[in-house]
């Protein structure tokens, strides 16, 4: 017999032996027990994790851009504060309180 044929025959015999032995039952029971335990956990697949990681990275980038824009806005506002006479129409100037009724 050739070595390759001998190895295949041996592999088939060992596989058949394991399928008919208590080891097969043990393997099936162990797989069922693990599947049940994993169902009780709040797990995600690797694909879901990678997708959520990409979304999170994009959101971080957007937040950083918004923080930079806000910092620019606040810096511009500090250097040129709105004066009481420069209040937008329909708004009261800061510190002027509510409009008085005559």
N, C-alpha and C. Protein backbone atom coordinates (compact mmCIF):
# COMPACT_ATOMS: atom_id res chain seq x y z
N UNK A 1 0.84 -1.19 0.00
CA UNK A 1 0.00 0.00 0.00
C UNK A 1 0.87 1.24 0.00
N UNK A 2 0.37 2.22 -0.66
CA UNK A 2 1.10 3.48 -0.66
C UNK A 2 0.86 4.19 0.66
N UNK A 3 1.78 5.09 1.01
CA UNK A 3 1.68 5.82 2.27
C UNK A 3 0.44 6.69 2.30
N UNK A 4 0.14 7.34 1.18
CA UNK A 4 -1.03 8.23 1.12
C UNK A 4 -2.32 7.44 1.30
N UNK A 5 -2.43 6.30 0.68
CA UNK A 5 -3.62 5.47 0.80
C UNK A 5 -3.73 4.93 2.23
N UNK A 6 -2.62 4.57 2.79
CA UNK A 6 -2.61 4.08 4.16
C UNK A 6 -3.07 5.16 5.13
N UNK A 7 -2.61 6.39 4.94
CA UNK A 7 -3.01 7.51 5.80
C UNK A 7 -4.51 7.80 5.66
N UNK A 8 -5.01 7.78 4.43
CA UNK A 8 -6.43 8.02 4.21
C UNK A 8 -7.27 6.93 4.87
N UNK A 9 -6.84 5.69 4.73
CA UNK A 9 -7.56 4.58 5.34
C UNK A 9 -7.56 4.71 6.86
N UNK A 10 -6.41 5.05 7.42
CA UNK A 10 -6.30 5.24 8.87
C UNK A 10 -7.20 6.39 9.34
N UNK A 11 -7.19 7.48 8.58
CA UNK A 11 -8.03 8.64 8.94
C UNK A 11 -9.50 8.26 8.89
N UNK A 12 -9.92 7.52 7.90
CA UNK A 12 -11.32 7.10 7.79
C UNK A 12 -11.72 6.19 8.95
N UNK A 13 -10.83 5.26 9.30
CA UNK A 13 -11.13 4.34 10.39
C UNK A 13 -11.22 5.06 11.74
N UNK A 14 -10.28 5.99 11.97
CA UNK A 14 -10.31 6.75 13.23
C UNK A 14 -11.56 7.62 13.27
N UNK A 15 -11.91 8.23 12.14
CA UNK A 15 -13.12 9.05 12.08
C UNK A 15 -14.37 8.24 12.35
N UNK A 16 -14.44 7.05 11.77
CA UNK A 16 -15.59 6.18 12.00
C UNK A 16 -15.65 5.73 13.45
N UNK A 17 -14.50 5.44 14.01
CA UNK A 17 -14.46 5.04 15.41
C UNK A 17 -14.94 6.16 16.32
N UNK A 18 -14.50 7.38 16.05
CA UNK A 18 -14.92 8.52 16.87
C UNK A 18 -16.41 8.83 16.71
N UNK A 19 -16.93 8.64 15.49
CA UNK A 19 -18.35 8.90 15.26
C UNK A 19 -19.24 7.91 16.02
N UNK A 20 -18.78 6.71 16.20
CA UNK A 20 -19.59 5.71 16.88
C UNK A 20 -19.25 5.57 18.36
N UNK A 21 -18.26 6.30 18.82
CA UNK A 21 -17.86 6.18 20.23
C UNK A 21 -18.57 7.24 21.07
N UNK A 22 -18.44 7.13 22.37
CA UNK A 22 -19.01 8.14 23.27
C UNK A 22 -18.39 9.53 23.07
N UNK A 23 -17.23 9.59 22.44
CA UNK A 23 -16.59 10.87 22.19
C UNK A 23 -17.47 11.75 21.28
N UNK A 24 -18.17 11.12 20.34
CA UNK A 24 -19.06 11.89 19.45
C UNK A 24 -20.21 12.49 20.25
N UNK A 25 -20.77 11.71 21.16
CA UNK A 25 -21.84 12.23 22.01
C UNK A 25 -21.33 13.37 22.89
N UNK A 26 -20.15 13.19 23.42
CA UNK A 26 -19.55 14.21 24.26
C UNK A 26 -19.33 15.50 23.46
N UNK A 27 -18.85 15.36 22.23
CA UNK A 27 -18.63 16.53 21.39
C UNK A 27 -19.95 17.25 21.08
N UNK A 28 -20.97 16.49 20.73
CA UNK A 28 -22.28 17.09 20.43
C UNK A 28 -22.83 17.81 21.66
N UNK A 29 -22.74 17.17 22.83
CA UNK A 29 -23.24 17.78 24.05
C UNK A 29 -22.46 19.04 24.41
N UNK A 30 -21.16 18.98 24.23
CA UNK A 30 -20.32 20.14 24.52
C UNK A 30 -20.66 21.31 23.59
N UNK A 31 -20.85 21.02 22.30
CA UNK A 31 -21.21 22.07 21.34
C UNK A 31 -22.56 22.68 21.70
N UNK A 32 -23.53 21.85 22.07
CA UNK A 32 -24.86 22.36 22.43
C UNK A 32 -24.77 23.22 23.69
N UNK A 33 -23.98 22.77 24.65
CA UNK A 33 -23.83 23.53 25.89
C UNK A 33 -23.16 24.89 25.63
N UNK A 34 -22.13 24.89 24.79
CA UNK A 34 -21.45 26.15 24.47
C UNK A 34 -22.37 27.09 23.69
N UNK A 35 -23.13 26.54 22.74
CA UNK A 35 -24.06 27.36 21.97
C UNK A 35 -25.09 28.01 22.89
N UNK A 36 -25.59 27.25 23.85
CA UNK A 36 -26.56 27.78 24.79
C UNK A 36 -25.93 28.86 25.68
N UNK A 37 -24.71 28.65 26.11
CA UNK A 37 -24.02 29.65 26.94
C UNK A 37 -23.77 30.92 26.15
N UNK A 38 -23.38 30.79 24.87
CA UNK A 38 -23.11 31.97 24.05
C UNK A 38 -24.39 32.76 23.75
N UNK A 39 -25.53 32.06 23.66
CA UNK A 39 -26.78 32.76 23.43
C UNK A 39 -27.14 33.66 24.60
N UNK A 40 -26.76 33.25 25.80
CA UNK A 40 -27.05 34.05 26.98
C UNK A 40 -26.17 35.30 27.08
N UNK A 41 -25.06 35.29 26.37
CA UNK A 41 -24.16 36.45 26.37
C UNK A 41 -24.57 37.41 25.26
N UNK A 42 -24.21 38.65 25.43
CA UNK A 42 -24.53 39.66 24.42
C UNK A 42 -23.31 39.81 23.50
N UNK A 43 -23.16 38.87 22.57
CA UNK A 43 -22.00 38.84 21.69
C UNK A 43 -22.35 39.35 20.30
N UNK A 44 -21.35 39.85 19.59
CA UNK A 44 -21.52 40.26 18.20
C UNK A 44 -20.50 39.51 17.36
N UNK A 45 -20.80 39.41 16.08
CA UNK A 45 -19.86 38.75 15.18
C UNK A 45 -18.71 39.70 14.88
N UNK A 46 -17.66 39.16 14.33
CA UNK A 46 -16.49 39.98 13.97
C UNK A 46 -16.87 41.02 12.92
N UNK A 47 -17.72 40.63 11.97
CA UNK A 47 -18.16 41.58 10.93
C UNK A 47 -18.93 42.74 11.55
N UNK A 48 -19.84 42.42 12.49
CA UNK A 48 -20.60 43.49 13.16
C UNK A 48 -19.66 44.40 13.94
N UNK A 49 -18.69 43.81 14.62
CA UNK A 49 -17.72 44.59 15.39
C UNK A 49 -16.92 45.52 14.49
N UNK A 50 -16.44 44.99 13.36
CA UNK A 50 -15.66 45.81 12.43
C UNK A 50 -16.49 46.95 11.86
N UNK A 51 -17.75 46.66 11.53
CA UNK A 51 -18.65 47.70 11.01
C UNK A 51 -18.87 48.79 12.05
N UNK A 52 -19.13 48.39 13.28
CA UNK A 52 -19.35 49.37 14.35
C UNK A 52 -18.08 50.16 14.65
N UNK A 53 -16.93 49.53 14.53
CA UNK A 53 -15.66 50.24 14.74
C UNK A 53 -15.45 51.30 13.67
N UNK A 54 -15.82 51.00 12.43
CA UNK A 54 -15.72 51.98 11.35
C UNK A 54 -16.67 53.15 11.59
N UNK A 55 -17.89 52.85 11.99
CA UNK A 55 -18.87 53.91 12.28
C UNK A 55 -18.36 54.79 13.41
N UNK A 56 -17.83 54.17 14.44
CA UNK A 56 -17.30 54.92 15.58
C UNK A 56 -16.14 55.82 15.16
N UNK A 57 -15.25 55.32 14.33
CA UNK A 57 -14.12 56.13 13.86
C UNK A 57 -14.63 57.34 13.07
N UNK A 58 -15.64 57.13 12.23
CA UNK A 58 -16.22 58.25 11.48
C UNK A 58 -16.87 59.27 12.40
N UNK A 59 -17.57 58.80 13.42
CA UNK A 59 -18.21 59.71 14.37
C UNK A 59 -17.17 60.49 15.16
N UNK A 60 -16.07 59.84 15.53
CA UNK A 60 -15.00 60.55 16.24
C UNK A 60 -14.43 61.67 15.39
N UNK A 61 -14.25 61.39 14.10
CA UNK A 61 -13.73 62.41 13.19
C UNK A 61 -14.69 63.58 13.11
N UNK A 62 -15.98 63.29 13.00
CA UNK A 62 -16.97 64.37 12.92
C UNK A 62 -17.01 65.17 14.21
N UNK A 63 -16.92 64.50 15.35
CA UNK A 63 -16.94 65.21 16.64
C UNK A 63 -15.72 66.11 16.76
N UNK A 64 -14.55 65.61 16.35
CA UNK A 64 -13.35 66.43 16.41
C UNK A 64 -13.49 67.67 15.52
N UNK A 65 -14.08 67.50 14.34
CA UNK A 65 -14.28 68.64 13.44
C UNK A 65 -15.25 69.64 14.06
N UNK A 66 -16.32 69.13 14.66
CA UNK A 66 -17.29 70.03 15.31
C UNK A 66 -16.67 70.74 16.50
N UNK A 67 -15.84 70.05 17.28
CA UNK A 67 -15.17 70.69 18.40
C UNK A 67 -14.23 71.79 17.93
N UNK A 68 -13.51 71.54 16.83
CA UNK A 68 -12.61 72.55 16.28
C UNK A 68 -13.40 73.76 15.79
N UNK A 69 -14.52 73.51 15.11
CA UNK A 69 -15.35 74.61 14.62
C UNK A 69 -15.92 75.40 15.79
N UNK A 70 -16.35 74.73 16.84
CA UNK A 70 -16.88 75.41 18.02
C UNK A 70 -15.80 76.24 18.70
N UNK A 71 -14.60 75.69 18.80
CA UNK A 71 -13.50 76.44 19.40
C UNK A 71 -13.19 77.70 18.59
N UNK A 72 -13.23 77.57 17.27
CA UNK A 72 -13.01 78.74 16.40
C UNK A 72 -14.10 79.77 16.63
N UNK A 73 -15.34 79.31 16.69
CA UNK A 73 -16.46 80.21 16.90
C UNK A 73 -16.33 80.92 18.24
N UNK A 74 -16.01 80.17 19.28
CA UNK A 74 -15.87 80.77 20.60
C UNK A 74 -14.70 81.74 20.65
N UNK A 75 -13.60 81.41 19.98
CA UNK A 75 -12.45 82.32 19.95
C UNK A 75 -12.82 83.61 19.21
N UNK A 76 -13.56 83.50 18.12
CA UNK A 76 -13.97 84.68 17.37
C UNK A 76 -14.94 85.51 18.20
N UNK A 77 -15.77 84.87 18.95
CA UNK A 77 -16.75 85.58 19.76
C UNK A 77 -16.08 86.30 20.92
N UNK A 78 -15.05 85.72 21.49
CA UNK A 78 -14.32 86.35 22.59
C UNK A 78 -13.58 87.59 22.10
N UNK A 79 -13.01 87.51 20.91
CA UNK A 79 -12.25 88.65 20.40
C UNK A 79 -13.16 89.78 19.92
N UNK A 80 -14.38 89.48 19.53
CA UNK A 80 -15.31 90.54 19.12
C UNK A 80 -16.68 90.26 19.72
N UNK A 81 -16.86 90.57 21.02
CA UNK A 81 -18.15 90.27 21.66
C UNK A 81 -19.28 91.11 21.07
N UNK A 82 -20.48 90.58 21.16
CA UNK A 82 -21.66 91.29 20.69
C UNK A 82 -21.97 92.40 21.68
N UNK A 83 -22.11 93.61 21.17
CA UNK A 83 -22.46 94.73 22.03
C UNK A 83 -23.97 94.81 22.14
N UNK A 84 -24.43 95.56 23.13
CA UNK A 84 -25.87 95.68 23.36
C UNK A 84 -26.58 96.24 22.14
N UNK A 85 -25.96 97.14 21.42
CA UNK A 85 -26.60 97.76 20.26
C UNK A 85 -26.54 96.86 19.04
N UNK A 86 -25.77 95.79 19.10
CA UNK A 86 -25.62 94.89 17.95
C UNK A 86 -26.48 93.65 18.07
N UNK A 87 -27.44 93.62 18.96
CA UNK A 87 -28.30 92.45 19.12
C UNK A 87 -29.09 92.23 17.85
N UNK A 88 -29.31 90.99 17.52
CA UNK A 88 -30.06 90.66 16.32
C UNK A 88 -31.50 91.11 16.46
N UNK A 89 -32.16 91.41 15.34
CA UNK A 89 -33.57 91.84 15.41
C UNK A 89 -34.42 90.77 16.08
N UNK A 90 -35.32 91.21 16.96
CA UNK A 90 -36.20 90.29 17.66
C UNK A 90 -35.59 89.73 18.92
N UNK A 91 -34.32 90.03 19.17
CA UNK A 91 -33.66 89.54 20.38
C UNK A 91 -33.32 90.73 21.25
N UNK A 92 -33.28 90.47 22.52
CA UNK A 92 -32.86 91.54 23.43
C UNK A 92 -31.36 91.46 23.58
N UNK A 93 -30.76 92.58 23.77
CA UNK A 93 -29.32 92.62 23.96
C UNK A 93 -28.98 92.01 25.31
N UNK A 94 -27.83 91.41 25.43
CA UNK A 94 -27.45 90.81 26.71
C UNK A 94 -27.45 91.86 27.81
N UNK A 95 -28.05 91.49 28.94
CA UNK A 95 -28.08 92.38 30.09
C UNK A 95 -29.19 93.41 30.06
N UNK A 96 -29.99 93.43 28.99
CA UNK A 96 -31.03 94.45 28.92
C UNK A 96 -32.33 93.98 29.55
N UNK A 97 -32.49 92.68 29.80
CA UNK A 97 -33.68 92.16 30.43
C UNK A 97 -34.83 92.09 29.44
N UNK A 98 -36.00 91.73 29.93
CA UNK A 98 -37.17 91.61 29.05
C UNK A 98 -37.63 92.99 28.59
N UNK A 99 -38.30 93.08 27.44
CA UNK A 99 -38.80 94.37 26.96
C UNK A 99 -39.83 94.93 27.95
N UNK A 100 -39.79 96.25 28.11
CA UNK A 100 -40.71 96.91 29.04
C UNK A 100 -41.99 97.29 28.33
N UNK A 101 -43.11 97.10 28.98
CA UNK A 101 -44.42 97.49 28.42
C UNK A 101 -44.70 98.93 28.82
N UNK A 102 -45.17 99.76 27.88
CA UNK A 102 -45.50 101.16 28.18
C UNK A 102 -46.92 101.34 28.55
